[in-house]
Amino acid sequence: MSSFLHTMVRVRNLEQSLAFYALLGMRELRRRDVPEGKYTLVFIGFADNAAGQAEIELTYNWGQDDGYEVGTGFGHFAIGVADVAAVVERVRVGGGKVVRPAGPVKFGTSIIAFVEDPDGYKVELIERP
């Protein structure tokens, strides 16, 4: 059986990234420091991930604080939430960047919003009551 495990993104400030994703309800699930490779891997997700949901792997390469280019091929992460407007407000109050406020998707009825993490990665919030 195959399953989707995680998506990896490189981050320039691990603690800022963890704080941002905590605003979305995600938490650190496990961490691995690799001194010989000079990097840290932190896997984040929801609850204890007992349901086996896909995770995000935040990779911090030690000393690489200048950041990375997001690139033109990456679109966004999508996260289902019960109340998009409430999560957007939590991100705004927490100092995060709101790219598109909560509202219906163009030509549809689903309520969505877009926020941006400290490294410029976009996160789509989709209302799933």
N, C-alpha and C. Protein backbone atom coordinates (compact mmCIF):
# COMPACT_ATOMS: atom_id res chain seq x y z
N MET A 1 0.83 -1.18 0.00
CA MET A 1 0.00 0.00 0.00
C MET A 1 0.88 1.25 0.00
N SER A 2 0.55 2.22 -0.80
CA SER A 2 1.29 3.48 -0.86
C SER A 2 0.52 4.55 -0.12
N SER A 3 1.25 5.54 0.40
CA SER A 3 0.60 6.68 1.06
C SER A 3 1.49 7.91 0.92
N PHE A 4 0.85 9.08 0.95
CA PHE A 4 1.57 10.34 0.87
C PHE A 4 2.09 10.64 2.27
N LEU A 5 3.41 10.85 2.41
CA LEU A 5 4.01 11.01 3.73
C LEU A 5 4.22 12.47 4.13
N HIS A 6 4.96 13.22 3.31
CA HIS A 6 5.24 14.61 3.68
C HIS A 6 5.71 15.41 2.47
N THR A 7 5.72 16.73 2.66
CA THR A 7 6.32 17.65 1.71
C THR A 7 7.42 18.39 2.46
N MET A 8 8.59 18.50 1.86
CA MET A 8 9.72 19.18 2.52
C MET A 8 9.91 20.56 1.93
N VAL A 9 10.11 21.55 2.83
CA VAL A 9 10.50 22.89 2.41
C VAL A 9 11.67 23.33 3.27
N ARG A 10 12.56 24.10 2.66
CA ARG A 10 13.71 24.63 3.40
C ARG A 10 13.31 25.97 4.01
N VAL A 11 13.72 26.18 5.25
CA VAL A 11 13.38 27.42 5.96
C VAL A 11 14.64 28.10 6.45
N ARG A 12 14.59 29.43 6.55
CA ARG A 12 15.78 30.16 7.00
C ARG A 12 15.81 30.36 8.50
N ASN A 13 14.63 30.32 9.18
CA ASN A 13 14.57 30.49 10.63
C ASN A 13 13.56 29.48 11.16
N LEU A 14 14.06 28.41 11.74
CA LEU A 14 13.21 27.31 12.17
C LEU A 14 12.19 27.74 13.22
N GLU A 15 12.60 28.53 14.19
CA GLU A 15 11.68 28.93 15.26
C GLU A 15 10.56 29.83 14.73
N GLN A 16 10.87 30.75 13.82
CA GLN A 16 9.83 31.58 13.22
C GLN A 16 8.84 30.72 12.43
N SER A 17 9.33 29.76 11.70
CA SER A 17 8.45 28.88 10.92
C SER A 17 7.56 28.04 11.83
N LEU A 18 8.12 27.50 12.91
CA LEU A 18 7.32 26.72 13.85
C LEU A 18 6.24 27.58 14.49
N ALA A 19 6.57 28.81 14.83
CA ALA A 19 5.57 29.72 15.43
C ALA A 19 4.45 30.02 14.44
N PHE A 20 4.78 30.21 13.17
CA PHE A 20 3.76 30.48 12.16
C PHE A 20 2.82 29.29 12.02
N TYR A 21 3.36 28.10 11.83
CA TYR A 21 2.51 26.93 11.62
C TYR A 21 1.70 26.59 12.87
N ALA A 22 2.18 26.95 14.05
CA ALA A 22 1.40 26.78 15.28
C ALA A 22 0.13 27.63 15.22
N LEU A 23 0.20 28.79 14.57
CA LEU A 23 -0.99 29.63 14.41
C LEU A 23 -2.06 28.93 13.57
N LEU A 24 -1.66 27.98 12.75
CA LEU A 24 -2.59 27.21 11.92
C LEU A 24 -3.05 25.94 12.62
N GLY A 25 -2.57 25.72 13.84
CA GLY A 25 -2.97 24.54 14.60
C GLY A 25 -2.03 23.36 14.47
N MET A 26 -0.91 23.56 13.78
CA MET A 26 0.05 22.46 13.61
C MET A 26 1.06 22.50 14.75
N ARG A 27 1.68 21.35 14.99
CA ARG A 27 2.68 21.27 16.06
C ARG A 27 3.82 20.35 15.63
N GLU A 28 4.91 20.48 16.34
CA GLU A 28 6.07 19.64 16.06
C GLU A 28 5.75 18.20 16.46
N LEU A 29 5.97 17.28 15.52
CA LEU A 29 5.73 15.86 15.78
C LEU A 29 7.03 15.13 16.13
N ARG A 30 8.09 15.50 15.44
CA ARG A 30 9.40 14.91 15.72
C ARG A 30 10.49 15.79 15.10
N ARG A 31 11.69 15.64 15.65
CA ARG A 31 12.83 16.46 15.22
C ARG A 31 14.07 15.58 15.14
N ARG A 32 14.91 15.91 14.17
CA ARG A 32 16.18 15.19 14.04
C ARG A 32 17.27 16.18 13.70
N ASP A 33 18.24 16.32 14.59
CA ASP A 33 19.43 17.14 14.33
C ASP A 33 20.49 16.23 13.72
N VAL A 34 21.13 16.70 12.66
CA VAL A 34 22.17 15.92 11.98
C VAL A 34 23.43 16.78 11.95
N PRO A 35 24.23 16.75 13.04
CA PRO A 35 25.42 17.59 13.13
C PRO A 35 26.42 17.36 12.00
N GLU A 36 26.61 16.11 11.60
CA GLU A 36 27.58 15.84 10.53
C GLU A 36 27.13 16.43 9.19
N GLY A 37 25.85 16.60 9.00
CA GLY A 37 25.33 17.20 7.77
C GLY A 37 24.98 18.68 7.95
N LYS A 38 25.07 19.16 9.18
CA LYS A 38 24.77 20.55 9.53
C LYS A 38 23.35 20.96 9.12
N TYR A 39 22.38 20.11 9.53
CA TYR A 39 20.99 20.46 9.28
C TYR A 39 20.09 19.87 10.36
N THR A 40 18.88 20.42 10.44
CA THR A 40 17.84 19.94 11.36
C THR A 40 16.57 19.70 10.56
N LEU A 41 15.92 18.58 10.83
CA LEU A 41 14.62 18.26 10.22
C LEU A 41 13.57 18.31 11.32
N VAL A 42 12.48 19.03 11.06
CA VAL A 42 11.36 19.06 11.99
C VAL A 42 10.10 18.72 11.20
N PHE A 43 9.41 17.67 11.63
CA PHE A 43 8.16 17.27 10.99
C PHE A 43 7.01 17.85 11.79
N ILE A 44 6.09 18.52 11.09
CA ILE A 44 4.95 19.14 11.76
C ILE A 44 3.66 18.57 11.18
N GLY A 45 2.62 18.60 12.01
CA GLY A 45 1.32 18.10 11.59
C GLY A 45 0.30 18.43 12.66
N PHE A 46 -0.82 17.75 12.60
CA PHE A 46 -1.93 17.99 13.52
C PHE A 46 -2.01 16.90 14.57
N ALA A 47 -2.38 17.30 15.80
CA ALA A 47 -2.53 16.38 16.92
C ALA A 47 -1.28 15.52 17.04
N ASP A 48 -1.45 14.21 17.17
CA ASP A 48 -0.28 13.33 17.24
C ASP A 48 -0.09 12.57 15.93
N ASN A 49 -0.87 12.95 14.91
CA ASN A 49 -0.84 12.35 13.58
C ASN A 49 -1.16 10.87 13.61
N ALA A 50 -1.97 10.45 14.57
CA ALA A 50 -2.36 9.04 14.64
C ALA A 50 -3.16 8.62 13.42
N ALA A 51 -3.82 9.59 12.77
CA ALA A 51 -4.62 9.28 11.59
C ALA A 51 -3.75 9.10 10.34
N GLY A 52 -2.46 9.38 10.45
CA GLY A 52 -1.55 9.19 9.33
C GLY A 52 -1.68 10.25 8.25
N GLN A 53 -2.06 11.46 8.63
CA GLN A 53 -2.15 12.54 7.67
C GLN A 53 -0.77 12.90 7.16
N ALA A 54 -0.74 13.51 5.96
CA ALA A 54 0.53 13.98 5.43
C ALA A 54 1.09 15.07 6.34
N GLU A 55 2.40 15.19 6.37
CA GLU A 55 3.08 16.15 7.23
C GLU A 55 3.89 17.12 6.38
N ILE A 56 4.36 18.18 7.01
CA ILE A 56 5.32 19.09 6.38
C ILE A 56 6.65 18.89 7.09
N GLU A 57 7.70 18.70 6.31
CA GLU A 57 9.05 18.59 6.85
C GLU A 57 9.73 19.94 6.65
N LEU A 58 10.05 20.61 7.76
CA LEU A 58 10.80 21.86 7.71
C LEU A 58 12.28 21.50 7.82
N THR A 59 13.05 21.88 6.83
CA THR A 59 14.48 21.58 6.84
C THR A 59 15.25 22.88 7.04
N TYR A 60 16.05 22.91 8.11
CA TYR A 60 16.89 24.07 8.38
C TYR A 60 18.34 23.65 8.18
N ASN A 61 18.99 24.25 7.17
CA ASN A 61 20.41 24.02 6.93
C ASN A 61 21.18 25.05 7.75
N TRP A 62 21.96 24.57 8.71
CA TRP A 62 22.65 25.44 9.65
C TRP A 62 23.49 26.46 8.90
N GLY A 63 23.34 27.71 9.29
CA GLY A 63 24.13 28.79 8.71
C GLY A 63 23.57 29.33 7.41
N GLN A 64 22.50 28.74 6.89
CA GLN A 64 21.87 29.22 5.66
C GLN A 64 20.72 30.14 6.05
N ASP A 65 21.06 31.34 6.48
CA ASP A 65 20.06 32.27 6.99
C ASP A 65 19.62 33.30 5.95
N ASP A 66 20.19 33.25 4.75
CA ASP A 66 19.82 34.20 3.70
C ASP A 66 18.50 33.85 3.06
N GLY A 67 18.03 32.62 3.25
CA GLY A 67 16.76 32.20 2.68
C GLY A 67 16.93 31.49 1.35
N TYR A 68 15.81 31.13 0.77
CA TYR A 68 15.76 30.39 -0.48
C TYR A 68 14.71 31.04 -1.36
N GLU A 69 14.83 30.84 -2.64
CA GLU A 69 13.78 31.30 -3.54
C GLU A 69 12.70 30.24 -3.58
N VAL A 70 11.44 30.68 -3.46
CA VAL A 70 10.33 29.74 -3.45
C VAL A 70 10.21 29.05 -4.80
N GLY A 71 10.49 29.74 -5.87
CA GLY A 71 10.42 29.14 -7.20
C GLY A 71 9.05 29.32 -7.82
N THR A 72 8.97 29.04 -9.10
CA THR A 72 7.71 29.24 -9.80
C THR A 72 6.90 27.95 -9.94
N GLY A 73 7.45 26.82 -9.56
CA GLY A 73 6.73 25.57 -9.69
C GLY A 73 5.87 25.25 -8.47
N PHE A 74 6.26 25.73 -7.31
CA PHE A 74 5.50 25.46 -6.09
C PHE A 74 4.28 26.37 -6.05
N GLY A 75 3.12 25.80 -5.72
CA GLY A 75 1.90 26.60 -5.63
C GLY A 75 1.58 26.96 -4.20
N HIS A 76 1.11 25.98 -3.42
CA HIS A 76 0.75 26.24 -2.03
C HIS A 76 0.46 24.92 -1.32
N PHE A 77 0.44 25.00 0.01
CA PHE A 77 -0.09 23.92 0.84
C PHE A 77 -1.57 24.22 1.00
N ALA A 78 -2.40 23.21 1.21
CA ALA A 78 -3.82 23.43 1.49
C ALA A 78 -4.16 22.73 2.80
N ILE A 79 -4.85 23.47 3.68
CA ILE A 79 -5.22 22.94 4.99
C ILE A 79 -6.71 23.16 5.18
N GLY A 80 -7.43 22.12 5.55
CA GLY A 80 -8.85 22.24 5.87
C GLY A 80 -9.02 22.69 7.31
N VAL A 81 -9.86 23.71 7.52
CA VAL A 81 -10.12 24.24 8.86
C VAL A 81 -11.62 24.44 9.04
N ALA A 82 -12.08 24.47 10.28
CA ALA A 82 -13.51 24.63 10.56
C ALA A 82 -14.00 26.05 10.31
N ASP A 83 -13.14 27.05 10.58
CA ASP A 83 -13.55 28.45 10.45
C ASP A 83 -12.39 29.24 9.86
N VAL A 84 -12.43 29.47 8.55
CA VAL A 84 -11.34 30.15 7.85
C VAL A 84 -11.11 31.55 8.42
N ALA A 85 -12.18 32.30 8.63
CA ALA A 85 -12.03 33.68 9.11
C ALA A 85 -11.33 33.72 10.47
N ALA A 86 -11.63 32.78 11.35
CA ALA A 86 -11.00 32.75 12.67
C ALA A 86 -9.50 32.44 12.55
N VAL A 87 -9.14 31.53 11.68
CA VAL A 87 -7.72 31.19 11.51
C VAL A 87 -6.97 32.37 10.89
N VAL A 88 -7.58 33.03 9.91
CA VAL A 88 -6.97 34.21 9.29
C VAL A 88 -6.72 35.28 10.35
N GLU A 89 -7.68 35.49 11.23
CA GLU A 89 -7.51 36.50 12.29
C GLU A 89 -6.39 36.10 13.24
N ARG A 90 -6.30 34.81 13.57
CA ARG A 90 -5.22 34.34 14.45
C ARG A 90 -3.86 34.58 13.80
N VAL A 91 -3.75 34.33 12.49
CA VAL A 91 -2.51 34.58 11.77
C VAL A 91 -2.19 36.07 11.76
N ARG A 92 -3.19 36.91 11.49
CA ARG A 92 -2.98 38.36 11.45
C ARG A 92 -2.50 38.88 12.80
N VAL A 93 -3.20 38.49 13.87
CA VAL A 93 -2.84 38.92 15.22
C VAL A 93 -1.46 38.41 15.61
N GLY A 94 -1.11 37.21 15.13
CA GLY A 94 0.20 36.62 15.42
C GLY A 94 1.33 37.19 14.59
N GLY A 95 1.02 38.18 13.75
CA GLY A 95 2.06 38.83 12.95
C GLY A 95 2.29 38.21 11.59
N GLY A 96 1.45 37.25 11.21
CA GLY A 96 1.59 36.61 9.91
C GLY A 96 1.00 37.45 8.80
N LYS A 97 1.32 37.08 7.58
CA LYS A 97 0.88 37.82 6.40
C LYS A 97 -0.37 37.16 5.80
N VAL A 98 -1.44 37.94 5.67
CA VAL A 98 -2.65 37.47 5.02
C VAL A 98 -2.61 37.96 3.58
N VAL A 99 -2.59 37.03 2.63
CA VAL A 99 -2.47 37.36 1.22
C VAL A 99 -3.85 37.57 0.59
N ARG A 100 -4.81 36.76 1.01
CA ARG A 100 -6.19 36.88 0.53
C ARG A 100 -7.10 36.62 1.71
N PRO A 101 -7.96 37.58 2.07
CA PRO A 101 -8.84 37.38 3.22
C PRO A 101 -9.87 36.29 2.96
N ALA A 102 -10.52 35.85 4.03
CA ALA A 102 -11.54 34.81 3.93
C ALA A 102 -12.70 35.28 3.06
N GLY A 103 -13.15 34.39 2.18
CA GLY A 103 -14.29 34.69 1.33
C GLY A 103 -14.51 33.56 0.36
N PRO A 104 -15.60 33.65 -0.40
CA PRO A 104 -15.89 32.57 -1.35
C PRO A 104 -14.85 32.51 -2.47
N VAL A 105 -14.56 31.30 -2.90
CA VAL A 105 -13.65 31.11 -4.02
C VAL A 105 -14.32 31.69 -5.27
N LYS A 106 -13.52 32.23 -6.16
CA LYS A 106 -14.04 32.82 -7.40
C LYS A 106 -14.83 31.76 -8.17
N PHE A 107 -16.02 32.10 -8.57
CA PHE A 107 -16.92 31.22 -9.33
C PHE A 107 -17.38 30.01 -8.52
N GLY A 108 -17.35 30.10 -7.18
CA GLY A 108 -17.78 28.96 -6.37
C GLY A 108 -18.35 29.42 -5.04
N THR A 109 -18.54 28.47 -4.15
CA THR A 109 -19.12 28.78 -2.85
C THR A 109 -18.21 28.42 -1.68
N SER A 110 -17.16 27.65 -1.91
CA SER A 110 -16.25 27.29 -0.83
C SER A 110 -15.61 28.54 -0.26
N ILE A 111 -15.46 28.58 1.06
CA ILE A 111 -14.80 29.70 1.73
C ILE A 111 -13.31 29.36 1.84
N ILE A 112 -12.48 30.26 1.31
CA ILE A 112 -11.03 30.05 1.34
C ILE A 112 -10.33 31.33 1.76
N ALA A 113 -9.05 31.22 2.04
CA ALA A 113 -8.16 32.36 2.29
C ALA A 113 -6.75 31.88 1.99
N PHE A 114 -5.84 32.83 1.81
CA PHE A 114 -4.42 32.50 1.65
C PHE A 114 -3.61 33.30 2.66
N VAL A 115 -2.68 32.61 3.31
CA VAL A 115 -1.71 33.25 4.19
C VAL A 115 -0.33 32.84 3.71
N GLU A 116 0.69 33.53 4.21
CA GLU A 116 2.06 33.27 3.76
C GLU A 116 2.94 33.05 4.97
N ASP A 117 3.77 32.02 4.92
CA ASP A 117 4.66 31.75 6.05
C ASP A 117 5.89 32.66 5.97
N PRO A 118 6.76 32.63 7.00
CA PRO A 118 7.90 33.55 7.02
C PRO A 118 8.86 33.42 5.83
N ASP A 119 8.84 32.28 5.14
CA ASP A 119 9.72 32.09 3.98
C ASP A 119 9.03 32.37 2.66
N GLY A 120 7.78 32.81 2.70
CA GLY A 120 7.06 33.14 1.48
C GLY A 120 6.24 32.00 0.89
N TYR A 121 6.17 30.86 1.58
CA TYR A 121 5.35 29.76 1.10
C TYR A 121 3.89 30.07 1.37
N LYS A 122 3.04 29.89 0.37
CA LYS A 122 1.62 30.17 0.52
C LYS A 122 0.90 28.96 1.10
N VAL A 123 -0.09 29.27 1.96
CA VAL A 123 -0.93 28.25 2.57
C VAL A 123 -2.38 28.63 2.29
N GLU A 124 -3.11 27.75 1.60
CA GLU A 124 -4.53 27.97 1.36
C GLU A 124 -5.31 27.34 2.51
N LEU A 125 -6.23 28.11 3.07
CA LEU A 125 -7.12 27.61 4.11
C LEU A 125 -8.47 27.37 3.46
N ILE A 126 -9.02 26.19 3.61
CA ILE A 126 -10.29 25.82 3.01
C ILE A 126 -11.25 25.43 4.12
N GLU A 127 -12.42 26.07 4.16
CA GLU A 127 -13.37 25.78 5.23
C GLU A 127 -13.98 24.40 5.05
N ARG A 128 -13.85 23.59 6.07
CA ARG A 128 -14.39 22.22 6.10
C ARG A 128 -15.10 22.05 7.44
N PRO A 129 -16.39 22.41 7.51
CA PRO A 129 -17.10 22.34 8.82
C PRO A 129 -17.16 20.95 9.40
